[in-house]
Amino acid sequence: MDEDMLEDQRRLVELIEAEGWDVTDLEISAYDSPWADEDDPEATVTITARKPYESEDGDGNADDEDDDNPFRLK
């Protein structure tokens, strides 16, 4: 795999993490483009990230007291 592609992947992860996201999975695929006549490879990056958000009351359980769902653990 091209070192430039790996460097771009690292940069994308750094940008996402700088915004407060936790990268949980990353996949990079390098391939020759079927649409271009050039021999330069292309890459696709798939990034999965998560970011917890504070609820209005600050503890992450905003509606638990009003929830009548019998399947929800309290």
N, C-alpha and C. Protein backbone atom coordinates (compact mmCIF):
# COMPACT_ATOMS: atom_id res chain seq x y z
N MET A 1 0.84 -1.17 0.00
CA MET A 1 0.00 0.00 0.00
C MET A 1 0.89 1.24 0.00
N ASP A 2 0.48 2.23 -0.70
CA ASP A 2 1.24 3.46 -0.86
C ASP A 2 1.36 4.20 0.48
N GLU A 3 2.56 4.66 0.79
CA GLU A 3 2.80 5.38 2.05
C GLU A 3 1.98 6.67 2.12
N ASP A 4 1.73 7.31 0.98
CA ASP A 4 0.90 8.52 0.96
C ASP A 4 -0.52 8.22 1.42
N MET A 5 -1.05 7.08 1.02
CA MET A 5 -2.41 6.69 1.44
C MET A 5 -2.47 6.49 2.95
N LEU A 6 -1.46 5.83 3.50
CA LEU A 6 -1.43 5.60 4.94
C LEU A 6 -1.29 6.92 5.70
N GLU A 7 -0.51 7.84 5.18
CA GLU A 7 -0.38 9.15 5.83
C GLU A 7 -1.70 9.92 5.79
N ASP A 8 -2.41 9.85 4.67
CA ASP A 8 -3.72 10.49 4.58
C ASP A 8 -4.69 9.87 5.58
N GLN A 9 -4.63 8.56 5.73
CA GLN A 9 -5.48 7.85 6.69
C GLN A 9 -5.19 8.36 8.11
N ARG A 10 -3.92 8.46 8.46
CA ARG A 10 -3.55 8.97 9.79
C ARG A 10 -4.06 10.38 10.00
N ARG A 11 -3.96 11.21 8.98
CA ARG A 11 -4.41 12.61 9.08
C ARG A 11 -5.92 12.67 9.29
N LEU A 12 -6.67 11.86 8.58
CA LEU A 12 -8.12 11.83 8.75
C LEU A 12 -8.50 11.43 10.17
N VAL A 13 -7.82 10.42 10.71
CA VAL A 13 -8.08 9.98 12.08
C VAL A 13 -7.75 11.11 13.06
N GLU A 14 -6.64 11.79 12.85
CA GLU A 14 -6.27 12.91 13.73
C GLU A 14 -7.33 14.01 13.71
N LEU A 15 -7.85 14.32 12.53
CA LEU A 15 -8.87 15.36 12.42
C LEU A 15 -10.15 14.96 13.16
N ILE A 16 -10.55 13.72 12.99
CA ILE A 16 -11.77 13.24 13.65
C ILE A 16 -11.59 13.22 15.16
N GLU A 17 -10.45 12.73 15.62
CA GLU A 17 -10.20 12.68 17.06
C GLU A 17 -10.06 14.08 17.65
N ALA A 18 -9.56 15.04 16.88
CA ALA A 18 -9.45 16.41 17.36
C ALA A 18 -10.82 17.04 17.60
N GLU A 19 -11.85 16.50 16.97
CA GLU A 19 -13.21 16.99 17.16
C GLU A 19 -13.94 16.25 18.28
N GLY A 20 -13.21 15.40 19.03
CA GLY A 20 -13.80 14.73 20.18
C GLY A 20 -14.40 13.36 19.90
N TRP A 21 -14.18 12.82 18.74
CA TRP A 21 -14.70 11.50 18.38
C TRP A 21 -13.67 10.43 18.72
N ASP A 22 -14.14 9.24 19.08
CA ASP A 22 -13.28 8.08 19.30
C ASP A 22 -13.40 7.17 18.08
N VAL A 23 -12.31 6.98 17.35
CA VAL A 23 -12.33 6.10 16.18
C VAL A 23 -12.34 4.67 16.69
N THR A 24 -13.36 3.91 16.28
CA THR A 24 -13.51 2.53 16.74
C THR A 24 -13.17 1.51 15.67
N ASP A 25 -13.17 1.92 14.41
CA ASP A 25 -12.85 0.99 13.33
C ASP A 25 -12.42 1.81 12.11
N LEU A 26 -11.50 1.28 11.36
CA LEU A 26 -11.01 1.98 10.18
C LEU A 26 -10.62 0.95 9.13
N GLU A 27 -11.02 1.21 7.91
CA GLU A 27 -10.65 0.32 6.80
C GLU A 27 -10.24 1.18 5.62
N ILE A 28 -9.11 0.87 5.04
CA ILE A 28 -8.67 1.56 3.83
C ILE A 28 -8.52 0.51 2.73
N SER A 29 -9.05 0.84 1.57
CA SER A 29 -8.96 -0.06 0.42
C SER A 29 -8.31 0.69 -0.72
N ALA A 30 -7.26 0.12 -1.24
CA ALA A 30 -6.57 0.70 -2.39
C ALA A 30 -6.88 -0.15 -3.62
N TYR A 31 -7.11 0.52 -4.73
CA TYR A 31 -7.47 -0.20 -5.95
C TYR A 31 -7.15 0.66 -7.17
N ASP A 32 -7.12 0.03 -8.32
CA ASP A 32 -6.98 0.75 -9.58
C ASP A 32 -8.39 1.13 -10.03
N SER A 33 -8.57 2.39 -10.36
CA SER A 33 -9.88 2.88 -10.74
C SER A 33 -10.35 2.26 -12.05
N PRO A 34 -11.55 1.71 -12.06
CA PRO A 34 -12.08 1.16 -13.31
C PRO A 34 -12.58 2.27 -14.24
N TRP A 35 -12.68 3.50 -13.73
CA TRP A 35 -13.20 4.60 -14.54
C TRP A 35 -12.11 5.47 -15.12
N ALA A 36 -10.93 5.38 -14.62
CA ALA A 36 -9.83 6.23 -15.11
C ALA A 36 -8.89 5.40 -15.97
N ASP A 37 -8.32 6.04 -16.96
CA ASP A 37 -7.37 5.36 -17.84
C ASP A 37 -5.95 5.42 -17.30
N GLU A 38 -5.78 6.07 -16.15
CA GLU A 38 -4.45 6.21 -15.58
C GLU A 38 -4.08 4.97 -14.75
N ASP A 39 -2.79 4.85 -14.49
CA ASP A 39 -2.32 3.73 -13.69
C ASP A 39 -2.22 4.08 -12.21
N ASP A 40 -2.61 5.30 -11.83
CA ASP A 40 -2.53 5.71 -10.44
C ASP A 40 -3.63 5.02 -9.62
N PRO A 41 -3.27 4.47 -8.48
CA PRO A 41 -4.29 3.83 -7.64
C PRO A 41 -5.16 4.86 -6.94
N GLU A 42 -6.32 4.42 -6.51
CA GLU A 42 -7.22 5.24 -5.70
C GLU A 42 -7.44 4.52 -4.39
N ALA A 43 -8.00 5.22 -3.43
CA ALA A 43 -8.26 4.60 -2.13
C ALA A 43 -9.61 5.04 -1.61
N THR A 44 -10.22 4.16 -0.84
CA THR A 44 -11.45 4.46 -0.13
C THR A 44 -11.19 4.23 1.34
N VAL A 45 -11.61 5.18 2.18
CA VAL A 45 -11.42 5.05 3.62
C VAL A 45 -12.80 5.01 4.26
N THR A 46 -13.02 3.99 5.09
CA THR A 46 -14.25 3.88 5.87
C THR A 46 -13.86 3.99 7.34
N ILE A 47 -14.42 5.00 7.99
CA ILE A 47 -14.09 5.24 9.40
C ILE A 47 -15.37 5.15 10.22
N THR A 48 -15.30 4.38 11.30
CA THR A 48 -16.39 4.31 12.26
C THR A 48 -15.90 4.98 13.54
N ALA A 49 -16.71 5.91 14.03
CA ALA A 49 -16.32 6.64 15.23
C ALA A 49 -17.55 6.84 16.10
N ARG A 50 -17.29 7.07 17.39
CA ARG A 50 -18.40 7.31 18.30
C ARG A 50 -18.09 8.55 19.13
N LYS A 51 -19.16 9.21 19.56
CA LYS A 51 -19.00 10.40 20.39
C LYS A 51 -20.19 10.47 21.33
N PRO A 52 -19.95 10.35 22.62
CA PRO A 52 -21.07 10.47 23.57
C PRO A 52 -21.48 11.94 23.71
N TYR A 53 -22.77 12.17 23.85
CA TYR A 53 -23.29 13.51 24.04
C TYR A 53 -23.93 13.60 25.42
N GLU A 54 -23.75 14.73 26.06
CA GLU A 54 -24.37 14.96 27.36
C GLU A 54 -25.86 15.18 27.14
N SER A 55 -26.66 14.63 28.04
CA SER A 55 -28.09 14.88 27.98
C SER A 55 -28.37 16.20 28.69
N GLU A 56 -29.62 16.63 28.65
CA GLU A 56 -29.98 17.91 29.25
C GLU A 56 -29.71 17.96 30.74
N ASP A 57 -29.92 16.83 31.45
CA ASP A 57 -29.68 16.85 32.89
C ASP A 57 -28.24 16.50 33.24
N GLY A 58 -27.42 16.20 32.24
CA GLY A 58 -26.00 16.02 32.47
C GLY A 58 -25.55 14.65 32.88
N ASP A 59 -26.47 13.72 33.19
CA ASP A 59 -26.02 12.40 33.63
C ASP A 59 -26.24 11.32 32.59
N GLY A 60 -26.75 11.67 31.42
CA GLY A 60 -26.92 10.69 30.35
C GLY A 60 -28.21 9.90 30.44
N ASN A 61 -29.05 10.17 31.43
CA ASN A 61 -30.30 9.42 31.61
C ASN A 61 -31.48 10.38 31.69
N ALA A 62 -31.70 11.19 30.68
CA ALA A 62 -32.67 12.27 30.71
C ALA A 62 -34.10 11.78 30.95
N ASP A 63 -34.51 10.71 30.28
CA ASP A 63 -35.90 10.31 30.35
C ASP A 63 -36.13 8.98 31.07
N ASP A 64 -35.16 8.49 31.79
CA ASP A 64 -35.31 7.19 32.42
C ASP A 64 -36.43 7.15 33.45
N GLU A 65 -36.65 8.24 34.20
CA GLU A 65 -37.69 8.23 35.21
C GLU A 65 -39.08 8.15 34.60
N ASP A 66 -39.26 8.71 33.42
CA ASP A 66 -40.56 8.73 32.76
C ASP A 66 -40.75 7.58 31.79
N ASP A 67 -39.79 6.71 31.68
CA ASP A 67 -39.84 5.62 30.71
C ASP A 67 -40.60 4.44 31.31
N ASP A 68 -41.70 4.06 30.66
CA ASP A 68 -42.49 2.91 31.13
C ASP A 68 -42.18 1.64 30.36
N ASN A 69 -41.09 1.61 29.64
CA ASN A 69 -40.71 0.44 28.86
C ASN A 69 -40.39 -0.70 29.82
N PRO A 70 -41.12 -1.81 29.77
CA PRO A 70 -40.87 -2.91 30.71
C PRO A 70 -39.59 -3.68 30.40
N PHE A 71 -39.00 -3.46 29.24
CA PHE A 71 -37.79 -4.18 28.85
C PHE A 71 -36.52 -3.40 29.17
N ARG A 72 -36.63 -2.15 29.63
CA ARG A 72 -35.47 -1.33 29.92
C ARG A 72 -35.04 -1.59 31.37
N LEU A 73 -33.74 -1.84 31.54
CA LEU A 73 -33.20 -2.02 32.88
C LEU A 73 -32.99 -0.67 33.53
N LYS A 74 -33.36 -0.57 34.78
CA LYS A 74 -33.19 0.71 35.51
C LYS A 74 -32.22 0.54 36.63
